[in-house]
Protein backbone atom coordinates (compact mmCIF):
# COMPACT_ATOMS: atom_id res chain seq x y z
CA UNK A 1 75.55 67.68 -38.90
CA UNK A 2 78.55 66.95 -36.96
CA UNK A 3 79.74 70.62 -38.40
CA UNK A 4 76.46 72.24 -37.05
CA UNK A 5 77.35 70.88 -33.35
CA UNK A 6 80.92 71.77 -33.48
CA UNK A 7 80.20 75.11 -34.16
CA UNK A 8 77.04 75.29 -31.42
CA UNK A 9 80.14 73.63 -28.84
CA UNK A 10 82.98 75.43 -30.12
CA UNK A 11 84.36 76.03 -26.79
CA UNK A 12 84.53 72.02 -25.82
CA UNK A 13 85.83 71.34 -29.20
CA UNK A 14 88.37 73.46 -28.66
CA UNK A 15 89.81 71.59 -25.48
CA UNK A 16 89.74 68.49 -27.12
CA UNK A 17 88.67 68.09 -31.27
CA UNK A 18 87.57 64.26 -30.16
CA UNK A 19 84.62 66.04 -28.34
CA UNK A 20 82.36 65.45 -31.22
CA UNK A 21 83.00 62.71 -33.84
CA UNK A 22 81.69 61.50 -36.93
CA UNK A 23 81.33 57.66 -37.06
CA UNK A 24 79.85 56.28 -40.00
CA UNK A 25 81.62 53.28 -42.31
CA UNK A 26 83.00 55.90 -44.76
CA UNK A 27 84.43 57.45 -42.09
CA UNK A 28 88.16 55.85 -41.42
CA UNK A 29 88.49 58.55 -38.58
CA UNK A 30 85.80 58.16 -36.79
CA UNK A 31 85.91 54.31 -37.15
CA UNK A 32 88.95 54.48 -35.22
CA UNK A 33 87.40 56.25 -32.05
CA UNK A 34 84.49 54.25 -32.06
CA UNK A 35 85.92 51.92 -29.26
CA UNK A 36 86.56 54.88 -27.33
CA UNK A 37 83.18 56.13 -27.78
CA UNK A 38 82.11 52.80 -26.32
CA UNK A 39 83.95 52.87 -23.64
CA UNK A 40 82.84 54.11 -19.89
CA UNK A 41 86.43 54.71 -18.87
CA UNK A 42 87.30 56.97 -22.00
CA UNK A 43 86.10 60.63 -21.71
CA UNK A 44 86.08 61.08 -25.65
CA UNK A 45 84.44 61.20 -27.89
CA UNK A 46 81.25 62.72 -25.76
CA UNK A 47 79.18 63.04 -29.01
CA UNK A 48 79.02 60.86 -32.33
CA UNK A 49 76.87 61.84 -34.94
CA UNK A 50 76.12 58.63 -37.14
CA UNK A 51 73.82 56.86 -39.80
CA UNK A 52 73.51 53.34 -38.49
CA UNK A 53 75.82 53.59 -35.98
CA UNK A 54 73.15 52.82 -32.97
CA UNK A 55 71.38 49.91 -34.74
CA UNK A 56 73.14 47.10 -33.31
CA UNK A 57 76.55 45.37 -32.79
CA UNK A 58 77.50 48.21 -30.50
CA UNK A 59 77.75 48.12 -26.67
CA UNK A 60 77.33 51.76 -25.81
CA UNK A 61 76.70 51.27 -21.97
CA UNK A 62 76.77 54.87 -20.97
CA UNK A 63 74.94 56.35 -23.86
CA UNK A 64 72.25 58.42 -21.97
CA UNK A 65 71.04 60.59 -25.18
CA UNK A 66 69.83 59.13 -28.20
CA UNK A 67 68.68 61.85 -30.91
CA UNK A 68 66.71 61.12 -33.72
CA UNK A 69 66.52 62.81 -37.14
CA UNK A 70 65.95 60.47 -39.54
CA UNK A 71 62.33 58.89 -40.69
CA UNK A 72 62.38 55.29 -39.19
CA UNK A 73 59.85 53.16 -40.72
CA UNK A 74 61.38 49.53 -39.74
CA UNK A 75 60.17 48.48 -35.87
CA UNK A 76 63.03 45.89 -35.71
CA UNK A 77 65.47 49.45 -36.31
CA UNK A 78 63.42 51.14 -34.02
CA UNK A 79 63.96 48.62 -31.29
CA UNK A 80 67.37 47.83 -31.74
CA UNK A 81 68.43 51.93 -31.94
CA UNK A 82 66.34 52.37 -28.41
CA UNK A 83 67.91 49.30 -27.19
CA UNK A 84 71.53 50.92 -27.30
CA UNK A 85 69.96 53.57 -24.46
CA UNK A 86 68.55 51.12 -22.24
CA UNK A 87 71.64 49.51 -20.86
CA UNK A 88 72.44 49.95 -17.30
CA UNK A 89 76.19 51.03 -15.77
CA UNK A 90 75.94 51.56 -12.13
CA UNK A 91 79.46 52.29 -11.55
CA UNK A 92 79.15 55.38 -13.92
CA UNK A 93 76.03 56.41 -12.86
CA UNK A 94 74.07 55.20 -15.90
CA UNK A 95 70.59 54.65 -14.76
CA UNK A 96 68.66 56.14 -17.37
CA UNK A 97 68.53 57.62 -21.11
CA UNK A 98 66.78 60.32 -23.08
CA UNK A 99 65.23 60.44 -26.49
CA UNK A 100 65.32 63.84 -28.43
CA UNK A 101 63.00 63.31 -31.36
CA UNK A 102 63.19 65.44 -34.18
CA UNK A 103 60.55 63.10 -36.46
CA UNK A 104 57.87 61.50 -34.53
CA UNK A 105 59.62 58.54 -34.35
CA UNK A 106 58.80 57.78 -30.83
CA UNK A 107 55.02 57.48 -32.44
CA UNK A 108 56.38 53.48 -33.03
CA UNK A 109 55.78 53.20 -29.22
CA UNK A 110 52.22 53.28 -29.58
CA UNK A 111 52.32 50.66 -32.30
CA UNK A 112 50.83 47.65 -31.62
CA UNK A 113 54.18 45.75 -33.15
CA UNK A 114 56.49 47.29 -30.79
CA UNK A 115 54.97 44.99 -28.06
CA UNK A 116 53.37 42.54 -30.18
CA UNK A 117 53.49 38.59 -30.35
CA UNK A 118 57.50 37.24 -30.94
CA UNK A 119 59.00 37.39 -34.37
CA UNK A 120 59.59 33.57 -34.09
CA UNK A 121 59.53 31.01 -31.14
CA UNK A 122 61.64 28.04 -31.47
CA UNK A 123 61.31 25.01 -28.75
CA UNK A 124 64.59 23.77 -28.03
CA UNK A 125 66.30 21.09 -25.52
CA UNK A 126 68.15 22.58 -22.71
CA UNK A 127 71.86 22.13 -24.55
CA UNK A 128 70.79 22.33 -27.96
CA UNK A 129 73.34 24.53 -30.17
CA UNK A 130 71.64 27.33 -31.55
CA UNK A 131 74.36 28.73 -33.07
CA UNK A 132 72.27 28.33 -36.71
CA UNK A 133 69.17 29.44 -35.38
CA UNK A 134 68.82 31.97 -37.91
CA UNK A 135 69.86 30.27 -40.92
CA UNK A 136 67.44 27.56 -40.21
CA UNK A 137 64.89 29.97 -39.88
CA UNK A 138 65.34 32.17 -43.16
CA UNK A 139 65.70 34.90 -41.10
CA UNK A 140 67.95 37.73 -42.88
CA UNK A 141 71.76 37.93 -40.86
CA UNK A 142 71.87 41.23 -38.69
CA UNK A 143 74.92 43.15 -40.28
CA UNK A 144 77.31 45.75 -38.77
CA UNK A 145 76.85 48.99 -39.83
CA UNK A 146 80.72 49.78 -39.80
CA UNK A 147 82.16 46.52 -40.38
CA UNK A 148 80.13 44.89 -42.86
CA UNK A 149 80.15 41.86 -40.52
CA UNK A 150 77.18 39.55 -39.84
CA UNK A 151 76.57 39.86 -36.07
CA UNK A 152 76.27 36.32 -34.19
CA UNK A 153 72.79 35.59 -33.05
CA UNK A 154 72.18 36.16 -30.32
CA UNK A 155 73.97 39.40 -30.56
CA UNK A 156 76.98 38.53 -27.82
CA UNK A 157 76.61 42.72 -26.83
CA UNK A 158 72.70 42.03 -25.95
CA UNK A 159 72.07 41.84 -22.35
CA UNK A 160 68.59 42.37 -20.02
CA UNK A 161 69.10 45.96 -20.15
CA UNK A 162 68.22 45.76 -23.74
CA UNK A 163 64.49 45.15 -23.17
CA UNK A 164 63.04 49.12 -22.98
CA UNK A 165 62.69 49.68 -19.36
CA UNK A 166 59.52 52.16 -17.95
CA UNK A 167 61.19 55.29 -18.18
CA UNK A 168 60.09 58.96 -16.21
CA UNK A 169 59.93 61.92 -18.43
CA UNK A 170 61.08 64.53 -17.14
CA UNK A 171 59.33 68.27 -18.21
CA UNK A 172 61.69 71.49 -18.17
CA UNK A 173 59.23 74.51 -19.37
CA UNK A 174 62.82 76.19 -19.98
CA UNK A 175 66.14 75.41 -20.98
CA UNK A 176 69.09 77.56 -22.21
CA UNK A 177 71.07 76.08 -25.45
CA UNK A 178 74.11 77.55 -26.17
CA UNK A 179 72.94 80.94 -24.04
CA UNK A 180 69.80 81.22 -26.05
CA UNK A 181 66.56 80.26 -23.99
CA UNK A 182 63.84 77.63 -25.47
CA UNK A 183 60.81 77.50 -24.61
CA UNK A 184 58.88 74.01 -24.58
CA UNK A 185 55.49 74.26 -26.03
CA UNK A 186 54.02 71.20 -24.95
CA UNK A 187 54.80 68.03 -23.05
CA UNK A 188 53.36 64.72 -22.82
CA UNK A 189 52.50 61.32 -21.03
CA UNK A 190 52.51 57.98 -22.24
CA UNK A 191 51.19 54.84 -20.17
CA UNK A 192 49.69 51.49 -20.55
CA UNK A 193 45.84 52.06 -21.07
CA UNK A 194 43.95 49.14 -19.29
CA UNK A 195 43.97 47.08 -22.98
CA UNK A 196 47.74 47.42 -22.48
CA UNK A 197 48.09 50.05 -25.10
CA UNK A 198 49.94 53.13 -25.00
CA UNK A 199 48.35 56.38 -24.54
CA UNK A 200 49.68 59.38 -24.93
CA UNK A 201 48.25 62.77 -23.28
CA UNK A 202 48.97 66.21 -22.30
CA UNK A 203 50.44 65.85 -19.05
CA UNK A 204 47.87 68.57 -17.62
CA UNK A 205 45.09 66.49 -19.17
CA UNK A 206 46.46 63.31 -17.83
CA UNK A 207 46.97 64.80 -14.04
CA UNK A 208 43.22 66.34 -14.03
CA UNK A 209 41.81 63.11 -15.38
CA UNK A 210 43.85 60.82 -12.24
CA UNK A 211 42.95 63.31 -10.03
CA UNK A 212 39.04 63.53 -10.61
CA UNK A 213 38.93 59.73 -10.42
CA UNK A 214 39.15 60.33 -6.68
CA UNK A 215 38.01 63.72 -6.59
CA UNK A 216 34.96 64.69 -8.88
CA UNK A 217 35.08 68.16 -7.82
CA UNK A 218 37.17 70.79 -5.75
CA UNK A 219 35.07 70.73 -3.11
CA UNK A 220 35.51 66.95 -2.60
CA UNK A 221 39.20 67.49 -2.70
CA UNK A 222 39.19 70.45 -0.11
CA UNK A 223 37.12 68.10 2.38
CA UNK A 224 39.15 65.29 2.07
CA UNK A 225 42.57 67.19 2.69
CA UNK A 226 41.23 69.22 5.42
CA UNK A 227 39.59 66.06 7.30
CA UNK A 228 42.94 63.83 6.99
CA UNK A 229 45.66 64.54 9.63
CA UNK A 230 48.73 63.20 7.63
CA UNK A 231 48.50 65.25 4.23
CA UNK A 232 51.34 63.05 2.63
CA UNK A 233 49.05 59.83 2.83
CA UNK A 234 46.41 61.95 0.06
CA UNK A 235 49.97 62.61 -1.91
CA UNK A 236 51.08 59.06 -1.87
CA UNK A 237 47.67 57.85 -2.69
CA UNK A 238 47.51 60.26 -5.81
CA UNK A 239 50.85 59.38 -7.16
CA UNK A 240 49.94 55.60 -6.93
CA UNK A 241 46.86 56.81 -9.33
CA UNK A 242 49.66 58.31 -11.33
CA UNK A 243 50.00 62.20 -10.74
CA UNK A 244 53.30 62.90 -11.31
CA UNK A 245 54.33 65.79 -8.73
CA UNK A 246 57.53 65.99 -9.98
CA UNK A 247 56.58 66.47 -13.79
CA UNK A 248 53.95 68.98 -12.43
CA UNK A 249 56.65 71.20 -10.80
CA UNK A 250 58.89 71.67 -14.01
CA UNK A 251 55.59 72.58 -15.92
CA UNK A 252 53.59 74.89 -13.19
CA UNK A 253 56.95 76.22 -11.01
CA UNK A 254 58.55 74.84 -8.32
CA UNK A 255 57.66 76.75 -5.53
CA UNK A 256 53.92 75.33 -5.43
CA UNK A 257 53.96 72.43 -2.97
CA UNK A 258 51.22 69.44 -3.96
CA UNK A 259 48.17 70.69 -2.78
CA UNK A 260 48.33 73.80 -5.15
CA UNK A 261 49.51 72.00 -7.85
CA UNK A 262 46.28 69.99 -7.42
CA UNK A 263 44.07 73.07 -7.36
CA UNK A 264 45.60 74.45 -10.18
CA UNK A 265 45.80 71.72 -12.52
CA UNK A 266 42.87 69.81 -12.01
CA UNK A 267 40.12 72.59 -10.90
CA UNK A 268 41.71 75.58 -12.58
CA UNK A 269 42.66 77.57 -9.31
CA UNK A 270 45.07 80.33 -8.80
CA UNK A 271 47.89 78.38 -6.70
CA UNK A 272 49.71 80.26 -4.32
CA UNK A 273 53.31 79.69 -3.66
CA UNK A 274 54.75 78.01 -0.33
CA UNK A 275 56.37 81.17 0.74
CA UNK A 276 52.68 83.01 -0.03
CA UNK A 277 51.14 80.87 2.32
CA UNK A 278 53.93 81.14 5.59
CA UNK A 279 53.79 84.63 4.93
CA UNK A 280 49.77 84.74 5.39
CA UNK A 281 49.92 82.42 8.66
CA UNK A 282 52.69 84.81 10.15
CA UNK A 283 50.21 87.90 9.22
CA UNK A 284 47.45 86.40 11.06
CA UNK A 285 49.31 86.12 14.30
CA UNK A 286 47.97 82.22 14.83
CA UNK A 287 50.40 81.52 17.34
CA UNK A 288 50.68 84.31 20.06
CA UNK A 289 49.23 82.24 22.90
CA UNK A 290 52.39 80.30 22.69
CA UNK A 291 55.71 81.32 24.78
CA UNK A 292 58.71 82.88 22.87
CA UNK A 293 60.39 79.42 22.25
CA UNK A 294 57.65 78.22 20.63
CA UNK A 295 57.09 80.81 18.53
CA UNK A 296 60.72 81.36 17.53
CA UNK A 297 60.01 77.18 16.39
CA UNK A 298 56.61 77.72 14.56
CA UNK A 299 58.33 80.56 12.46
CA UNK A 300 61.20 78.18 11.60
CA UNK A 301 58.76 75.16 10.86
CA UNK A 302 57.00 77.94 8.54
CA UNK A 303 60.76 78.60 7.00
CA UNK A 304 61.29 75.22 6.89
CA UNK A 305 57.99 74.98 4.83
CA UNK A 306 58.64 77.79 2.53
CA UNK A 307 61.91 76.11 1.53
CA UNK A 308 61.09 72.12 1.76
CA UNK A 309 57.71 71.55 1.32
CA UNK A 310 55.00 70.67 3.68
CA UNK A 311 55.85 66.98 4.43
CA UNK A 312 58.76 67.94 6.93
CA UNK A 313 56.00 69.38 9.36
CA UNK A 314 54.35 65.88 9.69
CA UNK A 315 57.57 64.29 10.35
CA UNK A 316 58.72 64.79 14.32
CA UNK A 317 62.18 64.07 13.78
CA UNK A 318 62.68 67.81 12.17
CA UNK A 319 63.12 69.54 14.99
CA UNK A 320 66.46 67.91 15.48
CA UNK A 321 67.28 69.91 12.12
CA UNK A 322 68.59 72.96 11.00
CA UNK A 323 67.52 75.59 11.28
CA UNK A 324 65.10 74.25 14.38
CA UNK A 325 67.70 72.55 16.28
CA UNK A 326 69.51 75.89 16.85
CA UNK A 327 66.58 76.79 19.06
CA UNK A 328 67.07 74.19 21.67
CA UNK A 329 67.07 70.22 22.00
CA UNK A 330 64.52 68.21 21.24
CA UNK A 331 63.08 68.06 24.86
CA UNK A 332 63.26 71.87 25.41
CA UNK A 333 61.37 72.21 21.98
CA UNK A 334 58.53 69.77 23.06
CA UNK A 335 58.49 71.06 26.66
CA UNK A 336 57.80 74.87 24.97
CA UNK A 337 54.41 73.61 23.69
CA UNK A 338 53.53 71.94 27.01
CA UNK A 339 54.70 68.24 25.49
CA UNK A 340 54.42 65.81 22.66
CA UNK A 341 50.62 65.99 22.59
CA UNK A 342 50.58 69.83 22.58
CA UNK A 343 53.44 69.82 20.07
CA UNK A 344 51.53 67.62 17.82
CA UNK A 345 48.09 69.60 18.07
CA UNK A 346 50.67 72.68 17.07
CA UNK A 347 51.57 71.30 13.87
CA UNK A 348 48.12 70.30 13.10
CA UNK A 349 46.59 73.66 14.12
CA UNK A 350 50.19 75.32 11.81
CA UNK A 351 49.26 72.98 8.62
CA UNK A 352 45.21 73.61 8.71
CA UNK A 353 46.26 77.64 9.16
CA UNK A 354 48.65 76.87 6.17
CA UNK A 355 45.90 75.77 4.10
CA UNK A 356 43.04 78.17 5.82
CA UNK A 357 42.44 80.42 2.60
CA UNK A 358 41.70 77.43 0.47
């Protein structure tokens, strides 16, 4: 494994031979670098290939990627391995971790035993000595895979962060590996059902089902979208229902706003990019009735929508941001539309025009 990784990262290994290290019980050189691998302040090693290193007894505070390439039948071992990634270290920007699974081991997340009853419950007094708790309970000791020594109970490096935190899956349709484009064929979402069990579902199916809880048909969604003044309110409500817009953008494309993502994924409609919607409004010349400054502001708002999305249009502070603020001061811009009410009406009309073709 290490040899293949070295070949794939020859340039990084050439700059420092410790970039990728084999750290196993029978590799003396690798074991000497274990402390450096687990220390956040040490730059190398970056990647460790191992057999049982990540099961227990290793406090790798900044471990951001766990690659599973062996069959794991033990729920305890699986939890121990995953627990190595759940540590948080804010000083070094460690807030999440990723699991890359080549053996479908993560199916154990859906096993009832993953979040089942405690292995044992021991009632204790406030100052009772727990140092012999495992021995008294007849539980086999936990052995450090590298040193062969017994890990004290409870393991000294176990913290609250060892409990698996709820994560957000990030989906990318295409990635580049060593200069080669790799296409992701499918994606899935895992969530807790009403009965507390983990459900695994395709992202599109998951989104479609959640959207149709509130909007059974396309017409129902369109009517609600057109009637509400603040489009962001619908987006926020859908997010509360479990729609993951960031994941949808990675799957469908980054140039679509939430409206088109929903219409496309939930109702099989052809999506328009933000740029296409903005250009359609400019072609219709909806705002010829305004003066020169107001028309320039409208054009700038449309460009802002194309670049950043629709939510900015609904925020009055947008006129204090580039490129709109270059056209004049906030009072000057407001006066160009006849006052605050006129400006607010223009924004509503502009928003309606953007979705006129829907």
